[in-house]
Protein backbone atom coordinates (compact mmCIF):
# COMPACT_ATOMS: atom_id res chain seq x y z
CA MET A 1 -132.18 -3.54 46.25
CA ARG A 2 -128.94 -1.55 46.45
CA GLN A 3 -128.92 1.62 44.32
CA PRO A 4 -126.23 4.18 43.46
CA ILE A 5 -126.60 7.67 44.78
CA PRO A 6 -126.98 10.27 42.07
CA ARG A 7 -124.17 12.88 41.88
CA GLY A 8 -125.33 16.25 43.29
CA ALA A 9 -127.20 14.57 46.21
CA THR A 10 -126.51 14.99 49.89
CA VAL A 11 -124.80 12.41 51.99
CA VAL A 12 -124.48 12.27 55.75
CA VAL A 13 -121.24 10.60 57.01
CA LYS A 14 -121.19 9.39 60.62
CA ILE A 15 -117.78 8.22 62.02
CA GLY A 16 -117.65 6.70 65.51
CA SER A 17 -115.04 7.04 68.34
CA SER A 18 -113.53 3.79 67.76
CA SER A 19 -112.55 4.64 64.35
CA LEU A 20 -111.36 8.19 65.11
CA THR A 21 -109.20 7.07 67.95
CA GLU A 22 -107.31 4.72 65.74
CA ALA A 23 -103.91 5.99 64.40
CA GLY A 24 -104.75 8.33 61.36
CA GLY A 25 -108.51 8.33 62.28
CA ILE A 26 -109.10 12.00 61.76
CA ASP A 27 -106.94 12.10 58.47
CA ARG A 28 -109.10 9.08 57.24
CA ALA A 29 -112.36 10.93 58.10
CA VAL A 30 -111.37 14.14 56.31
CA ALA A 31 -110.20 12.09 53.32
CA VAL A 32 -113.67 10.36 53.10
CA VAL A 33 -115.57 13.60 53.30
CA ASP A 34 -113.26 15.41 50.85
CA ALA A 35 -113.58 12.58 48.33
CA LEU A 36 -117.38 12.78 48.40
CA TRP A 37 -117.25 16.66 47.88
CA VAL A 38 -114.78 16.13 44.97
CA GLY A 39 -117.02 13.54 43.58
CA GLY A 40 -120.07 15.84 43.66
CA TYR A 41 -121.90 15.11 46.90
CA GLN A 42 -122.67 17.62 49.50
CA THR A 43 -121.58 15.94 52.57
CA VAL A 44 -122.27 16.50 56.40
CA LEU A 45 -119.96 14.89 58.85
CA VAL A 46 -121.35 13.63 62.17
CA SER A 47 -118.46 13.01 64.39
CA SER A 48 -117.99 11.31 67.76
CA GLY A 49 -114.83 11.41 69.70
CA ALA A 50 -114.95 14.47 71.89
CA VAL A 51 -115.05 12.53 75.30
CA ALA A 52 -112.57 9.93 74.01
CA ARG A 53 -110.25 12.73 73.08
CA GLY A 54 -110.57 14.74 76.31
CA LEU A 55 -110.29 11.80 78.96
CA PRO A 56 -106.61 11.08 78.17
CA ALA A 57 -105.79 14.68 78.26
CA LEU A 58 -107.13 14.88 81.80
CA GLY A 59 -105.49 11.66 82.73
CA ILE A 60 -108.83 10.05 83.75
CA ASP A 61 -110.11 6.65 82.86
CA ARG A 62 -113.58 6.47 81.43
CA ALA A 63 -114.73 4.00 84.18
CA ASP A 64 -113.83 6.61 86.85
CA ALA A 65 -115.40 9.67 85.38
CA ASP A 66 -118.77 10.96 86.67
CA LEU A 67 -121.20 13.03 84.60
CA ALA A 68 -119.43 16.33 85.45
CA THR A 69 -116.08 15.00 84.56
CA MET A 70 -117.38 13.54 81.26
CA GLN A 71 -118.75 16.99 80.40
CA VAL A 72 -115.36 18.62 81.09
CA ALA A 73 -113.69 16.04 78.95
CA ALA A 74 -116.15 16.61 76.13
CA ALA A 75 -115.33 20.43 76.40
CA VAL A 76 -111.56 19.80 76.35
CA GLY A 77 -111.86 16.94 73.67
CA GLN A 78 -114.22 19.00 71.43
CA THR A 79 -111.79 21.92 71.15
CA ALA A 80 -108.89 19.61 70.28
CA LEU A 81 -111.07 17.68 67.94
CA LEU A 82 -112.29 20.71 65.99
CA ASP A 83 -108.82 22.19 65.78
CA ASP A 84 -107.65 18.96 64.20
CA TYR A 85 -110.69 18.94 61.73
CA THR A 86 -110.23 22.76 60.85
CA GLU A 87 -106.47 22.12 60.13
CA ARG A 88 -107.02 18.99 58.04
CA PHE A 89 -109.88 20.30 56.02
CA LEU A 90 -108.06 23.56 55.37
CA GLY A 91 -105.17 21.30 54.08
CA VAL A 92 -107.45 20.01 51.42
CA GLY A 93 -108.82 23.52 50.66
CA ARG A 94 -112.05 23.30 52.48
CA LEU A 95 -113.85 25.32 55.20
CA SER A 96 -115.54 23.45 57.88
CA GLY A 97 -117.95 24.62 60.69
CA GLN A 98 -119.00 23.09 63.99
CA VAL A 99 -122.75 22.47 64.73
CA LEU A 100 -123.48 21.38 68.32
CA LEU A 101 -127.03 19.89 68.88
CA THR A 102 -129.00 18.70 71.70
CA LYS A 103 -132.52 17.08 71.85
CA ASP A 104 -134.17 20.34 72.81
CA VAL A 105 -133.24 21.76 69.39
CA PHE A 106 -135.60 19.28 67.92
CA ALA A 107 -138.35 19.47 70.56
CA ASN A 108 -138.77 23.07 69.64
CA ARG A 109 -140.22 23.41 66.06
CA SER A 110 -138.81 26.81 65.34
CA GLN A 111 -135.31 25.71 66.53
CA TYR A 112 -135.67 22.57 64.32
CA LEU A 113 -136.49 24.69 61.27
CA ASN A 114 -133.69 27.09 62.00
CA GLY A 115 -131.30 24.09 62.39
CA ARG A 116 -132.40 22.90 59.08
CA THR A 117 -131.93 26.15 57.36
CA THR A 118 -128.42 26.64 58.82
CA LEU A 119 -127.17 23.16 57.73
CA ARG A 120 -128.50 23.53 54.30
CA ARG A 121 -127.19 26.98 53.81
CA MET A 122 -123.78 25.64 54.95
CA LEU A 123 -123.83 23.09 52.29
CA GLU A 124 -124.86 25.61 49.56
CA LEU A 125 -121.79 27.69 50.53
CA GLY A 126 -119.51 24.65 50.35
CA VAL A 127 -118.83 24.62 54.10
CA VAL A 128 -118.58 21.19 55.66
CA PRO A 129 -120.78 20.89 58.64
CA ILE A 130 -119.18 18.92 61.49
CA VAL A 131 -122.01 18.01 63.75
CA ASN A 132 -121.84 16.52 67.35
CA GLU A 133 -124.09 16.35 70.35
CA ASN A 134 -123.30 19.18 72.86
CA ASP A 135 -121.85 16.91 75.49
CA SER A 136 -120.27 19.61 77.40
CA VAL A 137 -123.71 21.03 78.66
CA VAL A 138 -126.22 18.32 77.93
CA THR A 139 -128.16 16.61 80.68
CA ASP A 140 -129.50 13.06 80.43
CA GLU A 141 -132.99 14.06 79.50
CA LEU A 142 -131.61 16.14 76.47
CA ARG A 143 -129.16 13.49 75.31
CA PHE A 144 -129.67 11.65 72.02
CA GLY A 145 -127.37 9.04 73.67
CA ASP A 146 -125.35 8.34 70.65
CA ASN A 147 -124.42 10.10 67.41
CA ASP A 148 -125.93 7.30 65.30
CA ARG A 149 -129.37 8.54 65.98
CA LEU A 150 -128.24 12.09 65.75
CA ALA A 151 -126.92 11.32 62.14
CA ALA A 152 -130.22 9.91 61.35
CA ILE A 153 -132.11 13.12 62.47
CA VAL A 154 -129.61 15.26 60.59
CA SER A 155 -130.04 13.13 57.46
CA HIS A 156 -133.79 14.12 57.36
CA LEU A 157 -133.02 17.71 58.26
CA VAL A 158 -130.82 18.08 55.24
CA GLY A 159 -132.71 15.90 52.90
CA ALA A 160 -130.04 13.38 52.37
CA SER A 161 -129.94 10.69 49.93
CA LEU A 162 -127.67 8.32 51.91
CA LEU A 163 -126.75 7.92 55.64
CA LEU A 164 -123.26 6.30 55.63
CA MET A 165 -122.18 4.99 59.10
CA LEU A 166 -118.55 4.18 59.05
CA THR A 167 -117.40 2.00 61.81
CA ASP A 168 -114.61 -0.47 62.82
CA THR A 169 -116.61 -3.55 61.51
CA PRO A 170 -117.36 -4.46 57.82
CA GLY A 171 -121.01 -4.07 58.37
CA LEU A 172 -123.88 -6.05 60.14
CA PHE A 173 -123.66 -9.90 60.70
CA GLY A 174 -126.38 -12.24 61.43
CA GLU A 175 -124.38 -13.39 64.54
CA ASP A 176 -121.48 -11.86 66.48
CA PRO A 177 -118.34 -12.29 64.49
CA ARG A 178 -116.32 -12.13 67.67
CA ILE A 179 -118.01 -15.29 68.80
CA ASN A 180 -118.63 -17.08 65.59
CA ASP A 181 -115.88 -16.60 63.02
CA GLU A 182 -118.11 -17.99 60.32
CA ALA A 183 -120.88 -15.38 60.78
CA GLU A 184 -121.88 -14.13 57.55
CA LEU A 185 -122.08 -10.31 56.50
CA ILE A 186 -125.66 -9.17 55.73
CA THR A 187 -125.15 -7.37 52.41
CA ALA A 188 -128.66 -5.90 52.05
CA VAL A 189 -131.86 -5.92 54.23
CA ARG A 190 -134.98 -4.16 54.38
CA HIS A 191 -135.47 -1.74 57.46
CA ASN A 192 -138.36 -3.85 58.89
CA ASP A 193 -136.77 -7.28 58.41
CA GLU A 194 -136.93 -9.28 61.53
CA ILE A 195 -133.29 -10.05 61.43
CA LEU A 196 -132.50 -6.63 62.57
CA ASP A 197 -134.62 -6.99 65.63
CA GLY A 198 -132.15 -9.49 67.25
CA LEU A 199 -128.96 -7.60 66.60
CA SER A 200 -127.18 -5.98 69.65
CA GLY A 201 -123.78 -5.06 70.79
CA SER A 202 -121.51 -2.13 71.51
CA GLY A 203 -117.92 -1.30 71.27
CA PRO A 204 -115.42 -0.50 74.10
CA ILE A 205 -114.98 3.23 73.46
CA GLY A 206 -118.07 4.78 71.76
CA SER A 207 -121.58 4.97 73.36
CA GLY A 208 -123.12 3.52 70.21
CA GLY A 209 -122.99 -0.09 68.75
CA VAL A 210 -124.98 -2.48 66.40
CA ALA A 211 -128.33 -1.64 68.13
CA THR A 212 -127.93 2.11 67.85
CA LYS A 213 -127.01 1.72 64.35
CA VAL A 214 -129.93 -0.45 63.39
CA ALA A 215 -132.16 2.25 65.26
CA ALA A 216 -130.62 4.93 63.34
CA ALA A 217 -131.03 3.11 59.94
CA ARG A 218 -134.72 2.58 60.76
CA MET A 219 -135.05 6.23 61.66
CA ALA A 220 -133.58 7.29 58.30
CA ALA A 221 -135.72 4.72 56.55
CA TRP A 222 -138.87 6.51 57.73
CA SER A 223 -137.40 9.67 56.04
CA GLY A 224 -137.13 7.58 52.84
CA ILE A 225 -133.33 7.54 53.14
CA PRO A 226 -131.21 4.38 52.66
CA SER A 227 -128.23 3.60 54.98
CA VAL A 228 -124.98 1.81 54.67
CA ILE A 229 -123.00 0.54 57.56
CA ALA A 230 -119.54 -0.29 56.50
CA SER A 231 -115.80 -0.19 57.73
CA ALA A 232 -114.15 3.38 57.82
CA ASP A 233 -111.33 2.11 55.69
CA GLN A 234 -113.70 1.29 52.70
CA ASP A 235 -113.89 3.51 49.52
CA ALA A 236 -116.84 5.88 50.14
CA MET A 237 -117.06 6.71 46.47
CA ALA A 238 -117.40 3.03 45.66
CA ILE A 239 -120.11 2.83 48.33
CA VAL A 240 -122.21 5.71 46.93
CA GLY A 241 -121.71 4.38 43.45
CA GLY A 242 -123.56 1.11 44.44
CA ALA A 243 -120.76 -1.21 45.23
CA GLU A 244 -121.58 -4.09 47.42
CA ILE A 245 -119.61 -3.05 50.29
CA GLY A 246 -120.91 -3.24 53.98
CA THR A 247 -124.53 -3.50 54.74
CA TRP A 248 -127.37 -1.62 52.81
CA ILE A 249 -130.56 -0.98 54.75
CA ALA A 250 -133.40 -0.18 52.23
CA PRO A 251 -135.75 2.57 53.31
CA HIS A 252 -139.54 2.79 53.51
CA PRO A 253 -140.95 3.38 50.02
CA SER A 254 -142.49 6.68 50.94
CA GLY A 255 -141.10 8.95 53.53
CA LEU A 256 -142.99 10.77 56.00
CA SER A 257 -143.80 14.48 55.80
CA ALA A 258 -141.32 16.90 57.62
CA ARG A 259 -143.84 17.47 60.41
CA ARG A 260 -144.62 13.96 60.96
CA LEU A 261 -140.73 13.11 61.01
CA TRP A 262 -140.39 15.90 63.60
CA ILE A 263 -143.15 14.29 65.78
CA ALA A 264 -141.67 10.80 65.31
CA PHE A 265 -137.83 11.47 65.72
CA GLY A 266 -137.45 15.15 66.80
CA GLN A 267 -139.73 15.17 69.85
CA PRO A 268 -138.51 13.42 72.94
CA SER A 269 -141.20 11.00 74.27
CA ALA A 270 -142.83 12.29 77.56
CA GLY A 271 -144.68 9.04 78.36
CA THR A 272 -146.39 5.84 76.78
CA LEU A 273 -150.08 5.08 75.88
CA THR A 274 -150.90 1.37 75.67
CA ILE A 275 -153.73 0.50 73.39
CA ASP A 276 -155.93 -2.49 72.82
CA GLN A 277 -156.00 -4.53 69.45
CA GLY A 278 -159.10 -2.76 68.24
CA ALA A 279 -157.31 0.48 68.32
CA VAL A 280 -154.17 -0.94 66.74
CA ASP A 281 -156.30 -2.18 63.79
CA ALA A 282 -157.94 1.18 63.45
CA LEU A 283 -154.70 3.21 63.48
CA HIS A 284 -153.01 0.81 61.11
CA ARG A 285 -155.71 0.07 58.60
CA ARG A 286 -158.08 2.94 58.80
CA GLN A 287 -155.62 5.68 59.76
CA THR A 288 -158.03 7.09 62.37
CA SER A 289 -157.42 9.30 65.30
CA LEU A 290 -156.55 7.46 68.62
CA LEU A 291 -159.68 7.63 70.85
CA PRO A 292 -159.54 7.18 74.60
CA VAL A 293 -161.75 4.19 74.50
CA GLY A 294 -158.82 2.16 72.96
CA VAL A 295 -156.31 3.25 75.62
CA THR A 296 -155.66 0.62 78.19
CA SER A 297 -152.87 2.29 80.34
CA VAL A 298 -150.93 5.46 80.59
CA SER A 299 -147.35 5.73 81.59
CA GLY A 300 -145.58 8.82 82.71
CA GLU A 301 -146.65 12.37 83.54
CA PHE A 302 -147.04 14.73 80.82
CA PRO A 303 -149.11 17.89 79.72
CA ALA A 304 -151.42 18.15 76.79
CA GLY A 305 -149.41 18.60 73.54
CA ALA A 306 -146.47 16.35 74.70
CA ALA A 307 -145.21 13.46 72.38
CA VAL A 308 -145.79 9.95 73.55
CA GLU A 309 -145.12 6.53 72.17
CA ILE A 310 -148.18 4.42 71.42
CA ARG A 311 -147.67 0.62 72.08
CA SER A 312 -149.87 -2.45 71.85
CA ASN A 313 -150.68 -4.56 74.76
CA ASP A 314 -147.73 -6.96 73.94
CA GLY A 315 -145.28 -4.00 74.07
CA ASN A 316 -144.72 -3.47 70.26
CA LEU A 317 -144.19 0.20 69.18
CA ILE A 318 -147.18 1.20 67.02
CA GLY A 319 -146.49 4.91 66.64
CA LYS A 320 -145.91 8.27 68.13
CA GLY A 321 -148.15 11.21 68.45
CA LEU A 322 -148.98 14.53 70.25
CA VAL A 323 -151.63 14.14 72.96
CA ARG A 324 -154.73 16.26 73.13
CA LEU A 325 -155.27 15.55 76.89
CA ASP A 326 -152.73 15.38 79.73
CA ALA A 327 -151.56 12.34 81.49
CA SER A 328 -154.24 12.56 84.36
CA GLN A 329 -157.19 13.24 81.90
CA LEU A 330 -156.06 10.26 79.71
CA ARG A 331 -155.90 7.98 82.84
CA GLN A 332 -159.45 9.10 83.89
CA GLY A 333 -160.69 8.62 80.27
CA ALA A 334 -158.94 5.32 79.33
CA GLY A 335 -161.42 2.69 78.07
CA ARG A 336 -164.30 5.35 77.94
CA HIS A 337 -165.94 6.90 74.89
CA SER A 338 -165.00 10.26 73.78
CA GLU A 339 -168.39 11.79 74.67
CA ALA A 340 -167.94 10.79 78.21
CA ILE A 341 -165.06 13.08 78.49
CA GLY A 342 -166.08 15.90 76.58
CA GLY A 343 -165.64 14.55 72.94
CA GLU A 344 -161.92 15.03 72.93
CA VAL A 345 -159.69 12.54 71.09
CA ALA A 346 -156.40 11.05 72.79
CA VAL A 347 -154.24 11.74 69.66
CA HIS A 348 -155.53 13.33 66.45
CA ARG A 349 -154.65 11.63 63.24
CA ASP A 350 -153.01 14.91 62.12
CA ASP A 351 -150.58 14.73 65.09
CA LEU A 352 -150.06 10.83 64.89
CA VAL A 353 -147.28 8.71 63.18
CA VAL A 354 -148.03 5.08 62.68
CA LEU A 355 -144.61 3.15 62.48
CA VAL A 356 -145.76 -0.28 61.50
């Protein structure tokens, strides 16, 4: 299942707060990225750590910090973090540049395309992009919530061949190794394997954890991109060379188109449509549009054109799409044939991504 990544390909490396706050964490991150560039891989660094860096400088514990204080910590910490990265990368002869993102960049198609162009041009020029969520101004509704998922979105923005998530553990385990010291490392798994469904957990510093890394790997998988979750002290060149290090998450055999990836992962969900089994079968097997007759309930308030999740009656995620009707129209039309509400579909198949 595991495959080497060809030289000349693009790799996205995500390093979490827990790894960066260890002694020598910044130096290790720079060494990993530099080794990949030297080895022939254009590499993007998605870096956490701004808030974790800023809070001690302010003399404030994370548990005592409200949202405004966290944003100040991010502003203070981001400056210090970027200074460190700039100095270290210059020390190995590399230019780096900061790219701060929020969800609204991906909710706007033109900004999404501009972001992709900027990142790809940076790589062409040999500049190391250092990507982070813009925590100093972001509000909850615009948050990715963790840099794992941000890294997955960046991976398909730049057309990466691998998403490498480096953390403070050797990879994914079938059980929590902190509880069961005989828990076995999962060396390779398919993105839709049921064993991933039950994994959860989080670290004491970062906002990510096992669950967010699994979610990020699955997002990358739908881009046709494999992921590896491994310890930050492992040899990155050995990993891209196909060595059995960490956990390899195999991708979907065929990636979605750029537009469908944008719908699935670039657009924030404004609500949820619950559909009956007949509609599930129609979407999955016949790749049809979603008709109002198949909708059993509508959650949220949203306008026509908004992105919504589509779930089965038992709560399973079926897909995501852009609605042709607003929430009130969908509630009125739920369970009724299209002709009864003017012939409109709920979600046209051109605006629909089926994720099962």
